[in-house]
Protein backbone atom coordinates (compact mmCIF):
# COMPACT_ATOMS: atom_id res chain seq x y z
CA MET A 1 -148.57 24.61 -83.17
CA ALA A 2 -149.12 27.31 -85.75
CA ASN A 3 -146.13 28.07 -87.92
CA ARG A 4 -145.83 31.67 -86.63
CA ARG A 5 -142.64 33.53 -87.65
CA ILE A 6 -140.14 34.86 -85.12
CA GLY A 7 -137.27 36.66 -86.74
CA ASN A 8 -135.89 34.19 -89.27
CA LEU A 9 -137.39 31.16 -87.52
CA SER A 10 -140.85 29.68 -87.16
CA ALA A 11 -142.14 29.44 -83.58
CA LYS A 12 -141.73 25.66 -83.70
CA SER A 13 -138.09 25.79 -84.78
CA ALA A 14 -137.41 28.70 -82.39
CA ASP A 15 -138.69 26.60 -79.47
CA LYS A 16 -136.41 23.75 -80.55
CA SER A 17 -133.40 26.05 -80.91
CA VAL A 18 -133.90 27.38 -77.35
CA GLU A 19 -134.27 23.85 -76.03
CA ALA A 20 -131.07 22.81 -77.84
CA TYR A 21 -129.27 25.93 -76.58
CA LEU A 22 -130.29 25.25 -72.98
CA ALA A 23 -129.43 21.56 -73.23
CA ALA A 24 -125.89 22.50 -74.24
CA LEU A 25 -125.59 25.47 -71.85
CA GLU A 26 -122.91 25.18 -69.20
CA HIS A 27 -123.63 27.97 -66.76
CA PRO A 28 -123.45 28.14 -62.96
CA HIS A 29 -127.01 29.55 -62.84
CA LYS A 30 -128.68 27.29 -65.39
CA LYS A 31 -131.46 26.28 -62.96
CA GLY A 32 -132.34 29.93 -62.37
CA VAL A 33 -132.37 30.62 -66.11
CA GLN A 34 -134.68 27.70 -66.72
CA ALA A 35 -137.00 28.69 -63.85
CA LEU A 36 -137.31 32.33 -64.99
CA ARG A 37 -137.77 31.23 -68.60
CA LYS A 38 -140.82 29.22 -67.52
CA VAL A 39 -142.11 32.17 -65.50
CA ILE A 40 -141.86 34.55 -68.48
CA LEU A 41 -143.41 32.11 -70.94
CA SER A 42 -146.34 31.47 -68.57
CA ILE A 43 -147.32 35.15 -68.46
CA ASP A 44 -148.92 35.27 -71.92
CA ALA A 45 -149.59 32.49 -74.43
CA ASN A 46 -148.45 34.83 -77.24
CA ILE A 47 -144.91 35.16 -75.86
CA ARG A 48 -142.40 33.32 -78.01
CA GLU A 49 -138.68 32.87 -77.64
CA GLU A 50 -135.60 32.35 -79.69
CA VAL A 51 -131.87 32.42 -79.17
CA LYS A 52 -130.78 35.97 -79.92
CA TRP A 53 -127.63 37.71 -78.74
CA ASN A 54 -126.40 34.26 -77.62
CA ALA A 55 -129.15 33.78 -75.03
CA PRO A 56 -132.89 33.09 -74.75
CA SER A 57 -134.85 36.16 -75.83
CA PHE A 58 -138.60 36.75 -75.56
CA CYS A 59 -140.85 38.48 -78.05
CA LEU A 60 -144.38 39.37 -78.96
CA GLU A 61 -144.25 41.50 -82.09
CA ASP A 62 -140.63 42.40 -81.26
CA HIS A 63 -138.17 41.30 -78.61
CA PHE A 64 -138.85 42.77 -75.17
CA ALA A 65 -136.63 40.80 -72.76
CA THR A 66 -133.39 38.88 -73.15
CA PHE A 67 -131.18 36.96 -70.77
CA ARG A 68 -127.55 38.00 -70.51
CA LEU A 69 -125.46 34.99 -69.55
CA HIS A 70 -122.00 35.90 -70.78
CA PRO A 71 -119.22 36.61 -70.02
CA GLY A 72 -118.54 34.26 -67.16
CA SER A 73 -121.22 33.78 -64.58
CA ILE A 74 -123.31 36.86 -65.41
CA PHE A 75 -127.01 36.23 -64.98
CA GLN A 76 -129.28 39.11 -65.94
CA ILE A 77 -132.54 39.87 -67.69
CA ILE A 78 -132.54 42.93 -69.90
CA PHE A 79 -135.90 44.58 -70.57
CA HIS A 80 -135.82 46.43 -73.90
CA THR A 81 -137.90 47.41 -76.92
CA GLY A 82 -136.25 45.41 -79.67
CA ALA A 83 -132.97 44.92 -81.43
CA LYS A 84 -132.52 48.49 -82.59
CA ALA A 85 -132.46 51.66 -80.53
CA LYS A 86 -135.45 53.88 -81.13
CA GLY A 87 -134.84 57.43 -82.38
CA ASN A 88 -136.95 59.06 -79.71
CA PRO A 89 -137.71 56.37 -77.14
CA LYS A 90 -140.58 56.82 -74.74
CA GLN A 91 -139.94 56.69 -71.03
CA PHE A 92 -140.81 53.33 -69.51
CA HIS A 93 -141.58 52.93 -65.83
CA LEU A 94 -141.55 49.87 -63.59
CA ASP A 95 -142.38 49.98 -59.89
CA ASP A 96 -139.20 48.89 -58.16
CA PRO A 97 -139.60 49.23 -54.39
CA GLN A 98 -136.69 46.82 -53.78
CA GLY A 99 -134.30 48.72 -56.08
CA LEU A 100 -133.65 45.71 -58.30
CA LEU A 101 -133.40 47.56 -61.62
CA LYS A 102 -130.54 49.43 -63.22
CA TRP A 103 -131.76 51.75 -66.00
CA ALA A 104 -129.45 51.90 -69.02
CA ALA A 105 -131.79 54.14 -71.07
CA LYS A 106 -135.39 55.40 -70.98
CA ASP A 107 -136.53 52.17 -72.64
CA ARG A 108 -133.97 49.66 -71.33
CA CYS A 109 -133.27 48.29 -67.86
CA ILE A 110 -131.46 45.37 -66.29
CA ILE A 111 -132.09 43.12 -63.35
CA ALA A 112 -129.18 41.03 -62.08
CA PHE A 113 -129.30 37.82 -60.09
CA LYS A 114 -126.71 36.52 -57.65
CA SER A 115 -127.75 32.87 -57.67
CA ASP A 116 -130.42 30.40 -58.74
CA ALA A 117 -132.11 30.89 -55.36
CA ASP A 118 -132.04 34.68 -55.84
CA ALA A 119 -133.72 34.30 -59.24
CA MET A 120 -136.42 32.03 -57.86
CA ALA A 121 -137.01 34.35 -54.90
CA LYS A 122 -137.57 37.24 -57.33
CA SER A 123 -139.92 35.31 -59.64
CA VAL A 124 -143.05 37.10 -58.36
CA GLU A 125 -141.39 40.48 -58.99
CA ILE A 126 -140.21 39.33 -62.44
CA THR A 127 -143.76 38.27 -63.31
CA ARG A 128 -145.12 41.67 -62.32
CA MET A 129 -142.34 43.55 -64.11
CA VAL A 130 -142.74 41.58 -67.35
CA LYS A 131 -146.50 42.22 -67.33
CA ASP A 132 -145.94 45.93 -66.69
CA TRP A 133 -143.24 46.14 -69.39
CA ILE A 134 -145.46 44.43 -71.98
CA ALA A 135 -148.32 46.80 -71.13
CA GLN A 136 -146.07 49.76 -72.05
CA LEU A 137 -144.87 48.39 -75.39
């Protein structure tokens, strides 16, 4: 693997840190997290991940999606445009016929999952949404 940089880590060490994080993770929805992680990583070979904000986070040039796993049994994916708020963010749009998304800002939205089965059932929608989000970055 190329020694591509992600934040302060190389891609190789970032992969290992996520693996170590997940190995140690005690969470009621760990299977759903692992399943959706694989879904997101399979979308584009250039997607990399690292542990950021105490959860797996996905990036291309900047972070675009991050799991939220704490406090308690929260299980969400947050779509965003990086670590820092943009001064004049552009309006993002994702088709959401099932009403899964909660928009926190023009360039930030959240999808919550109730269970591992719920996450797996929404994997096709997550795939489509991640592709659409990346296309707007």
